[in-house]
């Protein structure tokens, strides 16, 4: 199993600090359009969408048709969901909570 601390270095920390300093959707677009290629951005967006669909119980076939992503990539995302650090669930749940009108709570 790969050492998960290999990402924990000053350069990665600086990148994450930069991301955490973004204050608006427009700032996100500006920064990520400079940081990433259009393909890299599209790939990350597809992975997040595929993770949402996996967590919603969709099949690989449904995801491939909807997101146009390979089954190998879906399998990797599924392994991350099943055995990873919980990053996909954390972000997907947080976005869902932030999208709810005030006063409503997510069903547990």
N, C-alpha and C. Protein backbone atom coordinates (compact mmCIF):
# COMPACT_ATOMS: atom_id res chain seq x y z
N UNK A 1 0.85 -1.19 0.00
CA UNK A 1 0.00 0.00 0.00
C UNK A 1 0.88 1.23 0.00
N UNK A 2 0.55 2.23 -0.78
CA UNK A 2 1.35 3.44 -0.92
C UNK A 2 1.28 4.27 0.36
N UNK A 3 2.38 4.96 0.64
CA UNK A 3 2.45 5.85 1.80
C UNK A 3 1.58 7.07 1.53
N UNK A 4 0.55 7.25 2.36
CA UNK A 4 -0.37 8.37 2.15
C UNK A 4 0.23 9.70 2.55
N UNK A 5 1.33 9.67 3.28
CA UNK A 5 1.97 10.92 3.69
C UNK A 5 2.86 11.52 2.61
N UNK A 6 3.02 10.83 1.48
CA UNK A 6 3.86 11.38 0.42
C UNK A 6 3.30 12.69 -0.14
N UNK A 7 2.00 12.91 0.01
CA UNK A 7 1.40 14.17 -0.44
C UNK A 7 1.62 15.30 0.56
N UNK A 8 1.91 14.95 1.79
CA UNK A 8 2.07 15.96 2.85
C UNK A 8 3.48 16.53 2.79
N UNK A 9 3.60 17.57 1.97
CA UNK A 9 4.89 18.24 1.83
C UNK A 9 4.62 19.74 1.68
N UNK A 10 5.63 20.56 1.79
CA UNK A 10 5.40 22.02 1.75
C UNK A 10 4.71 22.51 0.47
N UNK A 11 5.03 21.93 -0.66
CA UNK A 11 4.42 22.38 -1.92
C UNK A 11 2.93 22.07 -1.95
N UNK A 12 2.55 20.86 -1.52
CA UNK A 12 1.14 20.49 -1.50
C UNK A 12 0.39 21.31 -0.45
N UNK A 13 1.02 21.52 0.69
CA UNK A 13 0.41 22.35 1.73
C UNK A 13 0.15 23.75 1.20
N UNK A 14 1.10 24.32 0.48
CA UNK A 14 0.93 25.66 -0.10
C UNK A 14 -0.22 25.67 -1.10
N UNK A 15 -0.35 24.61 -1.91
CA UNK A 15 -1.45 24.52 -2.87
C UNK A 15 -2.79 24.49 -2.13
N UNK A 16 -2.89 23.66 -1.11
CA UNK A 16 -4.16 23.55 -0.37
C UNK A 16 -4.47 24.85 0.36
N UNK A 17 -3.47 25.52 0.88
CA UNK A 17 -3.70 26.82 1.51
C UNK A 17 -4.23 27.83 0.49
N UNK A 18 -3.69 27.79 -0.72
CA UNK A 18 -4.17 28.67 -1.78
C UNK A 18 -5.63 28.36 -2.10
N UNK A 19 -5.98 27.08 -2.21
CA UNK A 19 -7.36 26.70 -2.50
C UNK A 19 -8.28 27.14 -1.37
N UNK A 20 -7.86 26.93 -0.14
CA UNK A 20 -8.69 27.33 0.99
C UNK A 20 -8.88 28.84 1.09
N UNK A 21 -7.99 29.61 0.47
CA UNK A 21 -8.11 31.07 0.52
C UNK A 21 -9.11 31.62 -0.50
N UNK A 22 -9.56 30.79 -1.44
CA UNK A 22 -10.52 31.25 -2.45
C UNK A 22 -11.83 31.61 -1.76
N UNK A 23 -12.43 32.73 -2.17
CA UNK A 23 -13.59 33.26 -1.45
C UNK A 23 -14.88 33.29 -2.26
N UNK A 24 -14.82 32.92 -3.53
CA UNK A 24 -16.03 32.94 -4.33
C UNK A 24 -15.91 31.94 -5.48
N UNK A 25 -17.05 31.65 -6.08
CA UNK A 25 -17.05 30.77 -7.24
C UNK A 25 -16.21 31.37 -8.37
N UNK A 26 -16.32 32.67 -8.56
CA UNK A 26 -15.54 33.34 -9.60
C UNK A 26 -14.04 33.19 -9.35
N UNK A 27 -13.62 33.33 -8.09
CA UNK A 27 -12.20 33.14 -7.76
C UNK A 27 -11.78 31.70 -8.04
N UNK A 28 -12.66 30.74 -7.77
CA UNK A 28 -12.37 29.34 -8.08
C UNK A 28 -12.15 29.15 -9.58
N UNK A 29 -13.08 29.68 -10.38
CA UNK A 29 -12.91 29.58 -11.83
C UNK A 29 -11.60 30.21 -12.27
N UNK A 30 -11.32 31.40 -11.79
CA UNK A 30 -10.10 32.11 -12.19
C UNK A 30 -8.85 31.31 -11.85
N UNK A 31 -8.78 30.83 -10.62
CA UNK A 31 -7.59 30.10 -10.16
C UNK A 31 -7.45 28.77 -10.89
N UNK A 32 -8.53 27.97 -10.93
CA UNK A 32 -8.42 26.64 -11.52
C UNK A 32 -8.23 26.68 -13.03
N UNK A 33 -8.76 27.70 -13.70
CA UNK A 33 -8.51 27.83 -15.14
C UNK A 33 -7.05 28.13 -15.42
N UNK A 34 -6.39 28.84 -14.50
CA UNK A 34 -4.95 29.08 -14.64
C UNK A 34 -4.13 27.86 -14.23
N UNK A 35 -4.57 27.17 -13.19
CA UNK A 35 -3.82 26.05 -12.62
C UNK A 35 -3.89 24.80 -13.48
N UNK A 36 -5.06 24.50 -14.01
CA UNK A 36 -5.31 23.22 -14.68
C UNK A 36 -5.63 23.42 -16.16
N UNK A 37 -5.40 22.36 -16.93
CA UNK A 37 -5.86 22.37 -18.31
C UNK A 37 -7.38 22.13 -18.29
N UNK A 38 -8.02 22.42 -19.38
CA UNK A 38 -9.46 22.17 -19.48
C UNK A 38 -9.74 20.68 -19.29
N UNK A 39 -8.89 19.83 -19.82
CA UNK A 39 -9.05 18.37 -19.67
C UNK A 39 -8.94 17.97 -18.20
N UNK A 40 -7.97 18.51 -17.48
CA UNK A 40 -7.82 18.18 -16.06
C UNK A 40 -9.05 18.61 -15.26
N UNK A 41 -9.55 19.80 -15.54
CA UNK A 41 -10.77 20.26 -14.86
C UNK A 41 -11.96 19.37 -15.19
N UNK A 42 -12.10 19.03 -16.47
CA UNK A 42 -13.21 18.17 -16.88
C UNK A 42 -13.10 16.80 -16.22
N UNK A 43 -11.88 16.26 -16.14
CA UNK A 43 -11.67 14.95 -15.51
C UNK A 43 -12.05 14.99 -14.03
N UNK A 44 -11.65 16.03 -13.32
CA UNK A 44 -11.99 16.14 -11.90
C UNK A 44 -13.50 16.28 -11.71
N UNK A 45 -14.14 17.07 -12.56
CA UNK A 45 -15.59 17.24 -12.47
C UNK A 45 -16.30 15.92 -12.75
N UNK A 46 -15.82 15.16 -13.73
CA UNK A 46 -16.41 13.86 -14.05
C UNK A 46 -16.25 12.89 -12.88
N UNK A 47 -15.10 12.90 -12.23
CA UNK A 47 -14.87 12.00 -11.10
C UNK A 47 -15.81 12.32 -9.95
N UNK A 48 -16.00 13.59 -9.68
CA UNK A 48 -16.91 13.98 -8.61
C UNK A 48 -18.34 13.57 -8.95
N UNK A 49 -18.75 13.78 -10.19
CA UNK A 49 -20.09 13.38 -10.61
C UNK A 49 -20.27 11.86 -10.52
N UNK A 50 -19.25 11.12 -10.94
CA UNK A 50 -19.32 9.66 -10.85
C UNK A 50 -19.40 9.22 -9.39
N UNK A 51 -18.66 9.86 -8.50
CA UNK A 51 -18.72 9.52 -7.08
C UNK A 51 -20.11 9.77 -6.52
N UNK A 52 -20.73 10.89 -6.89
CA UNK A 52 -22.10 11.18 -6.46
C UNK A 52 -23.03 10.06 -6.91
N UNK A 53 -22.88 9.65 -8.16
CA UNK A 53 -23.77 8.63 -8.70
C UNK A 53 -23.54 7.27 -8.02
N UNK A 54 -22.28 6.93 -7.75
CA UNK A 54 -22.00 5.68 -7.03
C UNK A 54 -22.63 5.71 -5.65
N UNK A 55 -22.48 6.83 -4.96
CA UNK A 55 -23.06 6.96 -3.62
C UNK A 55 -24.58 6.93 -3.65
N UNK A 56 -25.16 7.30 -4.79
CA UNK A 56 -26.61 7.24 -4.97
C UNK A 56 -27.09 5.86 -5.44
N UNK A 57 -26.15 4.92 -5.58
CA UNK A 57 -26.52 3.56 -5.95
C UNK A 57 -26.61 3.28 -7.43
N UNK A 58 -26.11 4.17 -8.26
CA UNK A 58 -26.16 3.96 -9.70
C UNK A 58 -25.16 2.88 -10.11
N UNK A 59 -25.45 2.21 -11.22
CA UNK A 59 -24.57 1.16 -11.74
C UNK A 59 -23.47 1.79 -12.59
N UNK A 60 -22.42 1.00 -12.81
CA UNK A 60 -21.34 1.46 -13.68
C UNK A 60 -21.89 1.84 -15.05
N UNK A 61 -22.79 0.99 -15.58
CA UNK A 61 -23.37 1.25 -16.90
C UNK A 61 -24.10 2.59 -16.93
N UNK A 62 -24.88 2.88 -15.90
CA UNK A 62 -25.59 4.16 -15.84
C UNK A 62 -24.60 5.32 -15.78
N UNK A 63 -23.53 5.15 -15.04
CA UNK A 63 -22.54 6.22 -14.90
C UNK A 63 -21.81 6.44 -16.21
N UNK A 64 -21.40 5.36 -16.86
CA UNK A 64 -20.70 5.47 -18.15
C UNK A 64 -21.55 6.24 -19.15
N UNK A 65 -22.82 5.93 -19.21
CA UNK A 65 -23.71 6.60 -20.17
C UNK A 65 -23.92 8.07 -19.82
N UNK A 66 -24.03 8.36 -18.54
CA UNK A 66 -24.34 9.71 -18.10
C UNK A 66 -23.12 10.62 -18.08
N UNK A 67 -22.01 10.10 -17.57
CA UNK A 67 -20.83 10.93 -17.34
C UNK A 67 -19.78 10.76 -18.42
N UNK A 68 -19.89 9.71 -19.22
CA UNK A 68 -18.92 9.42 -20.27
C UNK A 68 -17.52 9.29 -19.68
N UNK A 69 -17.40 8.36 -18.75
CA UNK A 69 -16.16 8.10 -18.05
C UNK A 69 -15.91 6.60 -18.16
N UNK A 70 -14.65 6.18 -18.14
CA UNK A 70 -14.34 4.76 -18.31
C UNK A 70 -14.70 3.96 -17.06
N UNK A 71 -14.96 2.67 -17.29
CA UNK A 71 -15.25 1.80 -16.15
C UNK A 71 -14.03 1.66 -15.25
N UNK A 72 -12.82 1.77 -15.81
CA UNK A 72 -11.61 1.70 -14.99
C UNK A 72 -11.56 2.88 -14.02
N UNK A 73 -11.93 4.06 -14.49
CA UNK A 73 -11.94 5.24 -13.62
C UNK A 73 -13.05 5.11 -12.58
N UNK A 74 -14.20 4.61 -12.99
CA UNK A 74 -15.29 4.41 -12.04
C UNK A 74 -14.85 3.43 -10.96
N UNK A 75 -14.16 2.37 -11.36
CA UNK A 75 -13.67 1.37 -10.42
C UNK A 75 -12.70 2.00 -9.42
N UNK A 76 -11.83 2.87 -9.89
CA UNK A 76 -10.89 3.54 -9.00
C UNK A 76 -11.64 4.43 -8.01
N UNK A 77 -12.62 5.17 -8.50
CA UNK A 77 -13.43 6.03 -7.63
C UNK A 77 -14.16 5.18 -6.59
N UNK A 78 -14.70 4.06 -7.03
CA UNK A 78 -15.41 3.16 -6.11
C UNK A 78 -14.47 2.63 -5.03
N UNK A 79 -13.24 2.28 -5.41
CA UNK A 79 -12.25 1.83 -4.41
C UNK A 79 -11.97 2.94 -3.41
N UNK A 80 -11.87 4.18 -3.89
CA UNK A 80 -11.65 5.31 -2.98
C UNK A 80 -12.83 5.47 -2.02
N UNK A 81 -14.03 5.30 -2.53
CA UNK A 81 -15.22 5.41 -1.67
C UNK A 81 -15.23 4.28 -0.64
N UNK A 82 -14.92 3.07 -1.09
CA UNK A 82 -14.97 1.90 -0.20
C UNK A 82 -13.82 1.85 0.79
N UNK A 83 -12.61 2.19 0.35
CA UNK A 83 -11.42 1.95 1.17
C UNK A 83 -10.55 3.18 1.39
N UNK A 84 -10.98 4.32 0.87
CA UNK A 84 -10.15 5.52 0.94
C UNK A 84 -10.32 6.28 2.24
N UNK A 85 -10.06 7.56 2.17
CA UNK A 85 -10.06 8.43 3.35
C UNK A 85 -11.39 9.11 3.62
N UNK A 86 -12.39 8.88 2.77
CA UNK A 86 -13.69 9.50 2.97
C UNK A 86 -13.82 10.88 2.37
N UNK A 87 -12.89 11.25 1.52
CA UNK A 87 -12.90 12.58 0.92
C UNK A 87 -14.11 12.85 0.04
N UNK A 88 -14.48 11.88 -0.79
CA UNK A 88 -15.64 12.08 -1.66
C UNK A 88 -16.90 12.30 -0.81
N UNK A 89 -17.10 11.42 0.17
CA UNK A 89 -18.30 11.53 1.01
C UNK A 89 -18.34 12.85 1.75
N UNK A 90 -17.20 13.26 2.29
CA UNK A 90 -17.12 14.52 3.03
C UNK A 90 -17.59 15.68 2.18
N UNK A 91 -17.04 15.80 0.99
CA UNK A 91 -17.36 16.94 0.13
C UNK A 91 -18.78 16.85 -0.41
N UNK A 92 -19.20 15.67 -0.83
CA UNK A 92 -20.55 15.52 -1.39
C UNK A 92 -21.59 15.83 -0.32
N UNK A 93 -21.39 15.31 0.90
CA UNK A 93 -22.33 15.59 1.99
C UNK A 93 -22.34 17.08 2.33
N UNK A 94 -21.17 17.69 2.37
CA UNK A 94 -21.09 19.12 2.71
C UNK A 94 -21.79 19.98 1.66
N UNK A 95 -21.59 19.66 0.39
CA UNK A 95 -22.25 20.43 -0.67
C UNK A 95 -23.76 20.26 -0.57
N UNK A 96 -24.21 19.04 -0.30
CA UNK A 96 -25.66 18.80 -0.14
C UNK A 96 -26.21 19.63 1.02
N UNK A 97 -25.51 19.64 2.15
CA UNK A 97 -25.95 20.41 3.32
C UNK A 97 -26.00 21.90 3.01
N UNK A 98 -24.99 22.40 2.32
CA UNK A 98 -24.94 23.83 2.00
C UNK A 98 -25.99 24.22 0.98
N UNK A 99 -26.47 23.26 0.20
CA UNK A 99 -27.48 23.55 -0.83
C UNK A 99 -28.89 23.55 -0.27
N UNK A 100 -29.07 23.02 0.94
CA UNK A 100 -30.41 22.96 1.53
C UNK A 100 -30.83 24.32 2.04
N UNK A 101 -32.13 24.63 1.90
CA UNK A 101 -32.64 25.86 2.48
C UNK A 101 -32.42 25.85 3.99
N UNK A 102 -32.24 27.04 4.56
CA UNK A 102 -32.01 27.13 5.99
C UNK A 102 -33.15 26.50 6.76
N UNK A 103 -32.80 25.83 7.84
CA UNK A 103 -33.80 25.22 8.69
C UNK A 103 -34.04 23.75 8.36
N UNK A 104 -33.65 23.30 7.16
CA UNK A 104 -33.83 21.90 6.80
C UNK A 104 -32.56 21.13 7.14
N UNK A 105 -32.71 19.94 7.61
CA UNK A 105 -31.60 19.06 7.90
C UNK A 105 -31.65 17.87 6.97
N UNK A 106 -30.47 17.35 6.61
CA UNK A 106 -30.42 16.17 5.77
C UNK A 106 -30.94 14.98 6.56
N UNK A 107 -31.65 14.10 5.89
CA UNK A 107 -32.12 12.88 6.52
C UNK A 107 -30.93 11.97 6.77
N UNK A 108 -30.82 11.47 7.96
CA UNK A 108 -29.68 10.60 8.30
C UNK A 108 -30.07 9.16 8.12
